[in-house]
C-alpha atoms as a PDB file:
ATOM      1  CA  PHE A   1     114.636  58.240 193.138  1.00  0.00           C
ATOM      2  CA  PHE A   2     111.482  59.473 191.371  1.00  0.00           C
ATOM      3  CA  GLY A   3     113.575  62.155 189.686  1.00  0.00           C
ATOM      4  CA  PHE A   4     115.410  59.356 187.908  1.00  0.00           C
ATOM      5  CA  LEU A   5     112.205  57.619 186.804  1.00  0.00           C
ATOM      6  CA  PHE A   6     110.355  60.840 186.091  1.00  0.00           C
ATOM      7  CA  PRO A   7     112.950  63.444 185.150  1.00  0.00           C
ATOM      8  CA  LEU A   8     110.335  66.151 184.543  1.00  0.00           C
ATOM      9  CA  SER A   9     108.588  67.780 187.467  1.00  0.00           C
ATOM     10  CA  CYS A  10     104.811  68.103 187.281  1.00  0.00           C
ATOM     11  CA  PHE A  11     105.229  71.750 186.315  1.00  0.00           C
ATOM     12  CA  GLU A  12     107.648  70.927 183.509  1.00  0.00           C
ATOM     13  CA  PHE A  13     105.425  68.068 182.382  1.00  0.00           C
ATOM     14  CA  GLY A  14     102.386  70.378 182.360  1.00  0.00           C
ATOM     15  CA  CYS A  15     104.286  72.978 180.365  1.00  0.00           C
ATOM     16  CA  SER A  16     105.439  70.315 177.911  1.00  0.00           C
ATOM     17  CA  ILE A  17     101.873  69.097 177.421  1.00  0.00           C
ATOM     18  CA  SER A  18     100.662  72.706 177.057  1.00  0.00           C
ATOM     19  CA  PHE A  19     103.361  73.342 174.471  1.00  0.00           C
ATOM     20  CA  LEU A  20     102.327  70.220 172.522  1.00  0.00           C
ATOM     21  CA  ILE A  21      98.666  71.261 172.586  1.00  0.00           C
ATOM     22  CA  TYR A  22      99.618  74.806 171.540  1.00  0.00           C
ATOM     23  CA  SER A  23     101.845  73.477 168.750  1.00  0.00           C
ATOM     24  CA  PHE A  24      99.045  71.215 167.509  1.00  0.00           C
ATOM     25  CA  SER A  25      96.577  74.114 167.456  1.00  0.00           C
ATOM     26  CA  VAL A  26      99.062  76.356 165.630  1.00  0.00           C
ATOM     27  CA  LEU A  27      99.756  73.611 163.097  1.00  0.00           C
ATOM     28  CA  SER A  28      96.035  73.129 162.532  1.00  0.00           C
ATOM     29  CA  LEU A  29      95.698  76.885 161.945  1.00  0.00           C
ATOM     30  CA  LEU A  30      98.444  76.718 159.324  1.00  0.00           C
ATOM     31  CA  ARG A  31      96.165  74.478 157.249  1.00  0.00           C
ATOM     32  CA  MET A  32      93.562  77.236 157.110  1.00  0.00           C
ATOM     33  CA  PRO A  33      93.839  79.576 154.141  1.00  0.00           C
ATOM     34  CA  LEU A  34      94.739  83.222 153.965  1.00  0.00           C
ATOM     35  CA  VAL A  35      93.446  84.935 150.831  1.00  0.00           C
ATOM     36  CA  THR A  36      94.005  88.396 149.367  1.00  0.00           C
ATOM     37  CA  VAL A  37      90.527  89.794 148.829  1.00  0.00           C
ATOM     38  CA  ARG A  38      91.181  93.321 147.607  1.00  0.00           C
ATOM     39  CA  TYR A  39      93.509  96.312 147.624  1.00  0.00           C
ATOM     40  CA  CYS A  40      92.902  99.046 150.192  1.00  0.00           C
ATOM     41  CA  GLU A  41      93.775 102.488 148.818  1.00  0.00           C
ATOM     42  CA  LYS A  42      93.818 104.192 152.221  1.00  0.00           C
ATOM     43  CA  ALA A  43      96.118 101.567 153.728  1.00  0.00           C
ATOM     44  CA  ARG A  44      98.118 101.197 150.506  1.00  0.00           C
ATOM     45  CA  GLN A  45      98.208  97.459 150.954  1.00  0.00           C
ATOM     46  CA  ASP A  46      96.327  94.297 150.086  1.00  0.00           C
ATOM     47  CA  ILE A  47      93.712  93.106 152.545  1.00  0.00           C
ATOM     48  CA  GLU A  48      94.215  89.452 153.392  1.00  0.00           C
ATOM     49  CA  LEU A  49      91.520  87.565 155.271  1.00  0.00           C
ATOM     50  CA  PHE A  50      92.157  84.400 157.221  1.00  0.00           C
ATOM     51  CA  TYR A  51      89.237  81.988 156.938  1.00  0.00           C
ATOM     52  CA  ASP A  52      88.088  78.469 157.655  1.00  0.00           C
ATOM     53  CA  THR A  53      85.319  76.334 156.150  1.00  0.00           C
ATOM     54  CA  PHE A  54      83.165  73.430 157.270  1.00  0.00           C
ATOM     55  CA  GLY A  55      81.018  71.129 155.161  1.00  0.00           C
ATOM     56  CA  ASP A  56      80.622  70.369 151.477  1.00  0.00           C
ATOM     57  CA  SER A  57      81.147  73.408 149.260  1.00  0.00           C
ATOM     58  CA  THR A  58      79.221  71.808 146.393  1.00  0.00           C
ATOM     59  CA  ALA A  59      76.184  70.503 148.302  1.00  0.00           C
ATOM     60  CA  GLY A  60      75.706  72.787 151.303  1.00  0.00           C
ATOM     61  CA  GLN A  61      73.989  76.165 151.388  1.00  0.00           C
ATOM     62  CA  PRO A  62      76.701  78.810 151.991  1.00  0.00           C
ATOM     63  CA  LEU A  63      76.568  80.436 155.429  1.00  0.00           C
ATOM     64  CA  LEU A  64      78.979  83.275 156.232  1.00  0.00           C
ATOM     65  CA  LEU A  65      79.627  83.749 159.945  1.00  0.00           C
ATOM     66  CA  VAL A  66      80.755  87.286 160.769  1.00  0.00           C
ATOM     67  CA  MET A  67      82.260  87.897 164.198  1.00  0.00           C
ATOM     68  CA  GLY A  68      81.924  91.495 165.300  1.00  0.00           C
ATOM     69  CA  LEU A  69      83.796  94.173 167.198  1.00  0.00           C
ATOM     70  CA  GLY A  70      87.305  92.771 167.358  1.00  0.00           C
ATOM     71  CA  GLY A  71      86.316  89.148 167.914  1.00  0.00           C
ATOM     72  CA  GLN A  72      88.374  86.450 166.246  1.00  0.00           C
ATOM     73  CA  MET A  73      86.662  83.828 164.068  1.00  0.00           C
ATOM     74  CA  THR A  74      87.482  81.165 166.662  1.00  0.00           C
ATOM     75  CA  LEU A  75      84.750  82.640 168.861  1.00  0.00           C
ATOM     76  CA  TRP A  76      82.477  80.750 166.456  1.00  0.00           C
ATOM     77  CA  ARG A  77      83.234  77.438 168.174  1.00  0.00           C
ATOM     78  CA  THR A  78      84.358  74.561 165.965  1.00  0.00           C
ATOM     79  CA  GLU A  79      81.615  72.328 167.398  1.00  0.00           C
ATOM     80  CA  PHE A  80      78.966  74.905 166.504  1.00  0.00           C
ATOM     81  CA  CYS A  81      80.323  75.286 162.961  1.00  0.00           C
ATOM     82  CA  GLN A  82      80.416  71.526 162.527  1.00  0.00           C
ATOM     83  CA  LYS A  83      76.802  71.171 163.689  1.00  0.00           C
ATOM     84  CA  LEU A  84      75.760  73.780 161.125  1.00  0.00           C
ATOM     85  CA  ALA A  85      77.678  71.882 158.435  1.00  0.00           C
ATOM     86  CA  ASP A  86      76.035  68.619 159.519  1.00  0.00           C
ATOM     87  CA  SER A  87      72.686  70.401 159.067  1.00  0.00           C
ATOM     88  CA  GLY A  88      73.412  71.053 155.403  1.00  0.00           C
ATOM     89  CA  PHE A  89      75.318  74.346 155.398  1.00  0.00           C
ATOM     90  CA  TYR A  90      78.695  75.141 153.885  1.00  0.00           C
ATOM     91  CA  VAL A  91      80.038  77.283 156.734  1.00  0.00           C
ATOM     92  CA  ILE A  92      82.628  80.007 156.240  1.00  0.00           C
ATOM     93  CA  ARG A  93      84.074  81.854 159.237  1.00  0.00           C
ATOM     94  CA  PHE A  94      86.790  84.490 158.933  1.00  0.00           C
ATOM     95  CA  ASP A  95      88.835  87.082 160.783  1.00  0.00           C
ATOM     96  CA  ASN A  96      87.916  90.657 159.857  1.00  0.00           C
ATOM     97  CA  ARG A  97      90.725  93.059 159.032  1.00  0.00           C
ATOM     98  CA  ASP A  98      92.731  94.105 162.105  1.00  0.00           C
ATOM     99  CA  VAL A  99      91.718  90.882 163.885  1.00  0.00           C
ATOM    100  CA  GLY A 100      93.465  87.552 164.420  1.00  0.00           C
ATOM    101  CA  LEU A 101      95.520  86.380 161.464  1.00  0.00           C
ATOM    102  CA  SER A 102      94.026  88.736 158.857  1.00  0.00           C
ATOM    103  CA  SER A 103      95.752  91.930 157.688  1.00  0.00           C
ATOM    104  CA  HIS A 104      96.507  94.449 160.395  1.00  0.00           C
ATOM    105  CA  LEU A 105      96.463  98.140 159.557  1.00  0.00           C
ATOM    106  CA  ASP A 106      98.284  99.392 162.641  1.00  0.00           C
ATOM    107  CA  HIS A 107      99.889 102.259 160.738  1.00  0.00           C
ATOM    108  CA  LEU A 108      96.413 103.800 160.198  1.00  0.00           C
ATOM    109  CA  GLY A 109      95.571 103.984 163.889  1.00  0.00           C
ATOM    110  CA  THR A 110      92.890 102.229 165.882  1.00  0.00           C
ATOM    111  CA  PRO A 111      89.297 102.837 164.810  1.00  0.00           C
ATOM    112  CA  SER A 112      86.933 104.037 167.522  1.00  0.00           C
ATOM    113  CA  ALA A 113      83.265 103.124 167.132  1.00  0.00           C
ATOM    114  CA  VAL A 114      82.129 105.821 169.566  1.00  0.00           C
ATOM    115  CA  TRP A 115      84.256 108.600 168.048  1.00  0.00           C
ATOM    116  CA  GLY A 116      83.244 107.503 164.547  1.00  0.00           C
ATOM    117  CA  PHE A 117      79.573 107.744 165.508  1.00  0.00           C
ATOM    118  CA  VAL A 118      80.025 111.222 167.030  1.00  0.00           C
ATOM    119  CA  GLN A 119      81.892 112.387 163.917  1.00  0.00           C
ATOM    120  CA  SER A 120      79.173 110.998 161.662  1.00  0.00           C
ATOM    121  CA  LEU A 121      76.615 113.214 163.409  1.00  0.00           C
ATOM    122  CA  PHE A 122      78.529 116.376 162.539  1.00  0.00           C
ATOM    123  CA  SER A 123      80.826 115.601 159.627  1.00  0.00           C
ATOM    124  CA  THR A 124      82.382 112.913 157.490  1.00  0.00           C
ATOM    125  CA  PRO A 125      84.003 110.201 159.625  1.00  0.00           C
ATOM    126  CA  SER A 126      87.792 110.124 159.470  1.00  0.00           C
ATOM    127  CA  SER A 127      88.311 106.593 160.775  1.00  0.00           C
ATOM    128  CA  PRO A 128      90.862 104.367 159.038  1.00  0.00           C
ATOM    129  CA  TYR A 129      88.001 102.339 157.521  1.00  0.00           C
ATOM    130  CA  THR A 130      84.260 101.991 157.790  1.00  0.00           C
ATOM    131  CA  ILE A 131      81.758  99.214 158.301  1.00  0.00           C
ATOM    132  CA  SER A 132      81.123  99.467 154.552  1.00  0.00           C
ATOM    133  CA  ASP A 133      84.785  98.640 153.925  1.00  0.00           C
ATOM    134  CA  MET A 134      84.477  95.599 156.164  1.00  0.00           C
ATOM    135  CA  ALA A 135      81.277  94.505 154.401  1.00  0.00           C
ATOM    136  CA  ALA A 136      83.099  94.853 151.073  1.00  0.00           C
ATOM    137  CA  ASP A 137      85.860  92.617 152.473  1.00  0.00           C
ATOM    138  CA  ALA A 138      83.276  89.925 153.286  1.00  0.00           C
ATOM    139  CA  VAL A 139      81.729  90.159 149.814  1.00  0.00           C
ATOM    140  CA  ALA A 140      85.201  89.985 148.255  1.00  0.00           C
ATOM    141  CA  LEU A 141      85.920  86.829 150.280  1.00  0.00           C
ATOM    142  CA  LEU A 142      82.756  85.222 148.934  1.00  0.00           C
ATOM    143  CA  ASP A 143      83.792  86.287 145.420  1.00  0.00           C
ATOM    144  CA  LYS A 144      87.223  84.665 145.894  1.00  0.00           C
ATOM    145  CA  LEU A 145      85.476  81.467 146.991  1.00  0.00           C
ATOM    146  CA  ALA A 146      83.192  81.657 143.912  1.00  0.00           C
ATOM    147  CA  ILE A 147      80.083  81.945 146.088  1.00  0.00           C
ATOM    148  CA  PRO A 148      77.515  84.239 144.437  1.00  0.00           C
ATOM    149  CA  ARG A 149      75.252  84.531 147.522  1.00  0.00           C
ATOM    150  CA  ALA A 150      75.182  83.266 151.073  1.00  0.00           C
ATOM    151  CA  HIS A 151      73.193  83.305 154.275  1.00  0.00           C
ATOM    152  CA  LEU A 152      74.719  85.720 156.779  1.00  0.00           C
ATOM    153  CA  CYS A 153      74.967  85.319 160.525  1.00  0.00           C
ATOM    154  CA  GLY A 154      76.643  87.758 162.860  1.00  0.00           C
END
């Protein structure tokens, strides 16, 4: 009888709701921009960074949030970013290369922080890219957004 009134079981209903929530979050991510910031010679491809902004770009002080060591930009919680924007900042969060929805350089291998450090003690590091490359990506993102300087957190 209840199957007629409620054709979906609780499990199916839960999955349907989860799918709707997931679809909504994916659709909201599609509104966020992906921008080509520079060309990477070693990778032989453009580096594209996925980013999101909060606040007024003309009135707020720019604040670049950098998530480290493989963390996606969404680890900077939306509520936190919004509070910063409400405090007068123009907040920019982004996915570093090889993270989230930014360019992945899988064909270059996985960088190892420990092995890179050991190599740097004895020779030139041979990792696919360096922290300097990642810093240059962040600066290039600010350049693309026409932001000459910004506060940095991360």
